[in-house]
Amino acid sequence: MTQTLVDASLEAHLLTFGSLPETHWPNQDFDPPFDGGVFFEVDHIRSQPQRLTHGNGERIRGIMQVTIDSEKGAAVTAAEGLAELLVDHFPADMTLTAGDETVRVRQTPAIATGFQDGQRWRIAVSIFHETLKGSP
């Protein structure tokens, strides 16, 4: 199992999100919509693996952060609604397959307080996940 497979399984599930807006994927070129519309920005935050025992088992945790970027003003309400829908799309204890390993959403995703960034409004949704690797 590689972290790349974990990232890919989470991103594949995000692709099933109904009416997915334009999305800025990690390490990809992206031109924000000129109409001022909403878009997602995806980042993966990795943590240090935790050894479970003196054997080979490890717990690998991370966060997929999806930032909703919208026009400030009227679009803020739409962005907040999208954040709530993202939380519903990644429920706690949901499992996904990454190669021959299982990725589990550890808890209900967290919606951060929105903030203004120039003429844009940004809200981050953090999706906490973990994978158990090897045998303890």
C-alpha atoms as a PDB file:
ATOM      1  CA  MET A   1       0.000   0.000   0.000  1.00  0.00           C
ATOM      2  CA  THR A   2       1.270   3.400  -0.853  1.00  0.00           C
ATOM      3  CA  GLN A   3       0.006   6.798   0.173  1.00  0.00           C
ATOM      4  CA  THR A   4      -0.629   7.444  -3.519  1.00  0.00           C
ATOM      5  CA  LEU A   5      -3.245   4.654  -3.536  1.00  0.00           C
ATOM      6  CA  VAL A   6      -4.880   6.078  -0.404  1.00  0.00           C
ATOM      7  CA  ASP A   7      -5.032   9.545  -1.982  1.00  0.00           C
ATOM      8  CA  ALA A   8      -6.434   8.072  -5.202  1.00  0.00           C
ATOM      9  CA  SER A   9      -9.194   6.164  -3.372  1.00  0.00           C
ATOM     10  CA  LEU A  10     -10.306   9.313  -1.519  1.00  0.00           C
ATOM     11  CA  GLU A  11     -10.185  11.381  -4.715  1.00  0.00           C
ATOM     12  CA  ALA A  12     -12.172   8.707  -6.594  1.00  0.00           C
ATOM     13  CA  HIS A  13     -14.898   8.933  -3.946  1.00  0.00           C
ATOM     14  CA  LEU A  14     -14.888  12.733  -4.215  1.00  0.00           C
ATOM     15  CA  LEU A  15     -15.491  12.344  -7.964  1.00  0.00           C
ATOM     16  CA  THR A  16     -18.823  10.669  -7.124  1.00  0.00           C
ATOM     17  CA  PHE A  17     -19.984  13.856  -5.343  1.00  0.00           C
ATOM     18  CA  GLY A  18     -23.139  15.091  -7.083  1.00  0.00           C
ATOM     19  CA  SER A  19     -22.558  18.173  -9.257  1.00  0.00           C
ATOM     20  CA  LEU A  20     -18.842  18.325  -8.450  1.00  0.00           C
ATOM     21  CA  PRO A  21     -17.614  21.849  -9.261  1.00  0.00           C
ATOM     22  CA  GLU A  22     -14.360  22.458 -11.108  1.00  0.00           C
ATOM     23  CA  THR A  23     -11.612  21.001  -8.941  1.00  0.00           C
ATOM     24  CA  HIS A  24      -7.975  21.941  -8.412  1.00  0.00           C
ATOM     25  CA  TRP A  25      -6.261  18.583  -7.818  1.00  0.00           C
ATOM     26  CA  PRO A  26      -2.842  18.310  -6.153  1.00  0.00           C
ATOM     27  CA  ASN A  27       0.136  18.862  -8.467  1.00  0.00           C
ATOM     28  CA  GLN A  28      -2.088  19.809 -11.419  1.00  0.00           C
ATOM     29  CA  ASP A  29      -2.311  23.078 -13.332  1.00  0.00           C
ATOM     30  CA  PHE A  30      -5.566  24.918 -12.707  1.00  0.00           C
ATOM     31  CA  ASP A  31      -7.235  28.068 -13.975  1.00  0.00           C
ATOM     32  CA  PRO A  32      -9.992  29.249 -11.607  1.00  0.00           C
ATOM     33  CA  PRO A  33     -13.355  29.889 -13.263  1.00  0.00           C
ATOM     34  CA  PHE A  34     -13.560  33.388 -14.737  1.00  0.00           C
ATOM     35  CA  ASP A  35     -17.269  33.693 -13.955  1.00  0.00           C
ATOM     36  CA  GLY A  36     -16.496  33.882 -10.246  1.00  0.00           C
ATOM     37  CA  GLY A  37     -18.049  30.481  -9.662  1.00  0.00           C
ATOM     38  CA  VAL A  38     -17.358  27.981  -6.946  1.00  0.00           C
ATOM     39  CA  PHE A  39     -14.475  25.527  -7.168  1.00  0.00           C
ATOM     40  CA  PHE A  40     -12.837  22.927  -4.928  1.00  0.00           C
ATOM     41  CA  GLU A  41      -9.150  22.755  -4.041  1.00  0.00           C
ATOM     42  CA  VAL A  42      -7.893  19.375  -2.804  1.00  0.00           C
ATOM     43  CA  ASP A  43      -4.842  18.857  -0.572  1.00  0.00           C
ATOM     44  CA  HIS A  44      -3.530  15.797   1.247  1.00  0.00           C
ATOM     45  CA  ILE A  45      -1.944  16.227   4.665  1.00  0.00           C
ATOM     46  CA  ARG A  46       0.026  13.199   5.797  1.00  0.00           C
ATOM     47  CA  SER A  47       1.136  12.277   9.263  1.00  0.00           C
ATOM     48  CA  GLN A  48       3.888  10.081  10.583  1.00  0.00           C
ATOM     49  CA  PRO A  49       2.985   6.348  10.607  1.00  0.00           C
ATOM     50  CA  GLN A  50       2.397   4.923  14.080  1.00  0.00           C
ATOM     51  CA  ARG A  51       3.814   1.528  14.916  1.00  0.00           C
ATOM     52  CA  LEU A  52       1.128  -0.679  16.480  1.00  0.00           C
ATOM     53  CA  THR A  53       3.361  -3.322  18.120  1.00  0.00           C
ATOM     54  CA  HIS A  54       6.874  -4.679  17.854  1.00  0.00           C
ATOM     55  CA  GLY A  55       5.776  -6.455  14.664  1.00  0.00           C
ATOM     56  CA  ASN A  56       5.124  -4.991  11.240  1.00  0.00           C
ATOM     57  CA  GLY A  57       1.769  -3.337  11.847  1.00  0.00           C
ATOM     58  CA  GLU A  58       1.361   0.406  11.284  1.00  0.00           C
ATOM     59  CA  ARG A  59      -1.486   2.878  11.502  1.00  0.00           C
ATOM     60  CA  ILE A  60      -1.207   5.506   8.792  1.00  0.00           C
ATOM     61  CA  ARG A  61      -3.373   8.573   9.312  1.00  0.00           C
ATOM     62  CA  GLY A  62      -3.955  11.618   7.207  1.00  0.00           C
ATOM     63  CA  ILE A  63      -6.355  14.348   6.193  1.00  0.00           C
ATOM     64  CA  MET A  64      -7.795  15.074   2.790  1.00  0.00           C
ATOM     65  CA  GLN A  65      -8.681  18.743   2.903  1.00  0.00           C
ATOM     66  CA  VAL A  66     -11.204  20.055   0.398  1.00  0.00           C
ATOM     67  CA  THR A  67     -11.348  23.841   0.337  1.00  0.00           C
ATOM     68  CA  ILE A  68     -14.463  25.374  -1.174  1.00  0.00           C
ATOM     69  CA  ASP A  69     -13.581  28.618  -2.914  1.00  0.00           C
ATOM     70  CA  SER A  70     -16.423  30.981  -3.854  1.00  0.00           C
ATOM     71  CA  GLU A  71     -17.210  34.634  -4.448  1.00  0.00           C
ATOM     72  CA  LYS A  72     -17.675  36.538  -1.241  1.00  0.00           C
ATOM     73  CA  GLY A  73     -21.199  37.748  -0.632  1.00  0.00           C
ATOM     74  CA  ALA A  74     -24.129  35.791  -2.006  1.00  0.00           C
ATOM     75  CA  ALA A  75     -22.062  32.695  -2.875  1.00  0.00           C
ATOM     76  CA  VAL A  76     -21.073  32.231   0.772  1.00  0.00           C
ATOM     77  CA  THR A  77     -24.355  30.500   1.568  1.00  0.00           C
ATOM     78  CA  ALA A  78     -23.848  28.130  -1.375  1.00  0.00           C
ATOM     79  CA  ALA A  79     -20.297  27.350  -0.210  1.00  0.00           C
ATOM     80  CA  GLU A  80     -21.521  26.556   3.306  1.00  0.00           C
ATOM     81  CA  GLY A  81     -24.179  24.268   1.840  1.00  0.00           C
ATOM     82  CA  LEU A  82     -21.528  22.461  -0.217  1.00  0.00           C
ATOM     83  CA  ALA A  83     -19.417  22.022   2.916  1.00  0.00           C
ATOM     84  CA  GLU A  84     -22.322  20.305   4.673  1.00  0.00           C
ATOM     85  CA  LEU A  85     -22.914  18.062   1.640  1.00  0.00           C
ATOM     86  CA  LEU A  86     -19.223  17.079   1.655  1.00  0.00           C
ATOM     87  CA  VAL A  87     -19.519  16.053   5.304  1.00  0.00           C
ATOM     88  CA  ASP A  88     -22.470  13.832   4.350  1.00  0.00           C
ATOM     89  CA  HIS A  89     -20.498  12.384   1.408  1.00  0.00           C
ATOM     90  CA  PHE A  90     -17.671  11.189   3.706  1.00  0.00           C
ATOM     91  CA  PRO A  91     -19.493   9.800   6.772  1.00  0.00           C
ATOM     92  CA  ALA A  92     -17.575   8.555   9.797  1.00  0.00           C
ATOM     93  CA  ASP A  93     -16.522   4.885   9.498  1.00  0.00           C
ATOM     94  CA  MET A  94     -17.017   4.831   5.717  1.00  0.00           C
ATOM     95  CA  THR A  95     -14.471   2.504   4.119  1.00  0.00           C
ATOM     96  CA  LEU A  96     -12.767   2.680   0.729  1.00  0.00           C
ATOM     97  CA  THR A  97     -10.359   0.311  -0.991  1.00  0.00           C
ATOM     98  CA  ALA A  98      -6.760   1.331  -1.718  1.00  0.00           C
ATOM     99  CA  GLY A  99      -5.044  -1.554  -3.487  1.00  0.00           C
ATOM    100  CA  ASP A 100      -5.384  -4.441  -1.032  1.00  0.00           C
ATOM    101  CA  GLU A 101      -5.798  -2.166   1.991  1.00  0.00           C
ATOM    102  CA  THR A 102      -8.856  -0.472   3.490  1.00  0.00           C
ATOM    103  CA  VAL A 103      -9.055   3.258   4.102  1.00  0.00           C
ATOM    104  CA  ARG A 104     -11.484   4.294   6.843  1.00  0.00           C
ATOM    105  CA  VAL A 105     -12.891   7.768   7.502  1.00  0.00           C
ATOM    106  CA  ARG A 106     -12.042   8.081  11.221  1.00  0.00           C
ATOM    107  CA  GLN A 107     -14.615  10.657  12.278  1.00  0.00           C
ATOM    108  CA  THR A 108     -17.151  13.115  10.976  1.00  0.00           C
ATOM    109  CA  PRO A 109     -15.334  15.596   8.712  1.00  0.00           C
ATOM    110  CA  ALA A 110     -14.725  19.027  10.225  1.00  0.00           C
ATOM    111  CA  ILE A 111     -15.876  22.273   8.616  1.00  0.00           C
ATOM    112  CA  ALA A 112     -13.500  25.127   9.420  1.00  0.00           C
ATOM    113  CA  THR A 113     -14.635  28.696   9.884  1.00  0.00           C
ATOM    114  CA  GLY A 114     -14.759  30.416   6.503  1.00  0.00           C
ATOM    115  CA  PHE A 115     -12.421  33.288   5.753  1.00  0.00           C
ATOM    116  CA  GLN A 116     -12.036  36.011   3.168  1.00  0.00           C
ATOM    117  CA  ASP A 117      -9.107  35.779   0.748  1.00  0.00           C
ATOM    118  CA  GLY A 118      -9.153  38.883  -1.432  1.00  0.00           C
ATOM    119  CA  GLN A 119     -12.480  38.846  -3.287  1.00  0.00           C
ATOM    120  CA  ARG A 120     -13.034  35.160  -2.509  1.00  0.00           C
ATOM    121  CA  TRP A 121     -14.528  33.258   0.422  1.00  0.00           C
ATOM    122  CA  ARG A 122     -12.866  29.973   1.458  1.00  0.00           C
ATOM    123  CA  ILE A 123     -14.150  27.156   3.662  1.00  0.00           C
ATOM    124  CA  ALA A 124     -12.017  24.077   4.355  1.00  0.00           C
ATOM    125  CA  VAL A 125     -13.511  20.650   5.038  1.00  0.00           C
ATOM    126  CA  SER A 126     -11.065  18.217   6.661  1.00  0.00           C
ATOM    127  CA  ILE A 127     -11.673  14.513   6.061  1.00  0.00           C
ATOM    128  CA  PHE A 128      -9.732  12.447   8.615  1.00  0.00           C
ATOM    129  CA  HIS A 129      -8.739   8.956   7.486  1.00  0.00           C
ATOM    130  CA  GLU A 130      -6.584   6.019   8.504  1.00  0.00           C
ATOM    131  CA  THR A 131      -5.237   2.806   7.063  1.00  0.00           C
ATOM    132  CA  LEU A 132      -3.918  -0.175   8.998  1.00  0.00           C
ATOM    133  CA  LYS A 133      -0.915  -1.663   7.224  1.00  0.00           C
ATOM    134  CA  GLY A 134       0.696  -5.031   7.820  1.00  0.00           C
ATOM    135  CA  SER A 135       0.041  -7.385  10.673  1.00  0.00           C
ATOM    136  CA  PRO A 136       0.508  -6.381  14.304  1.00  0.00           C
END
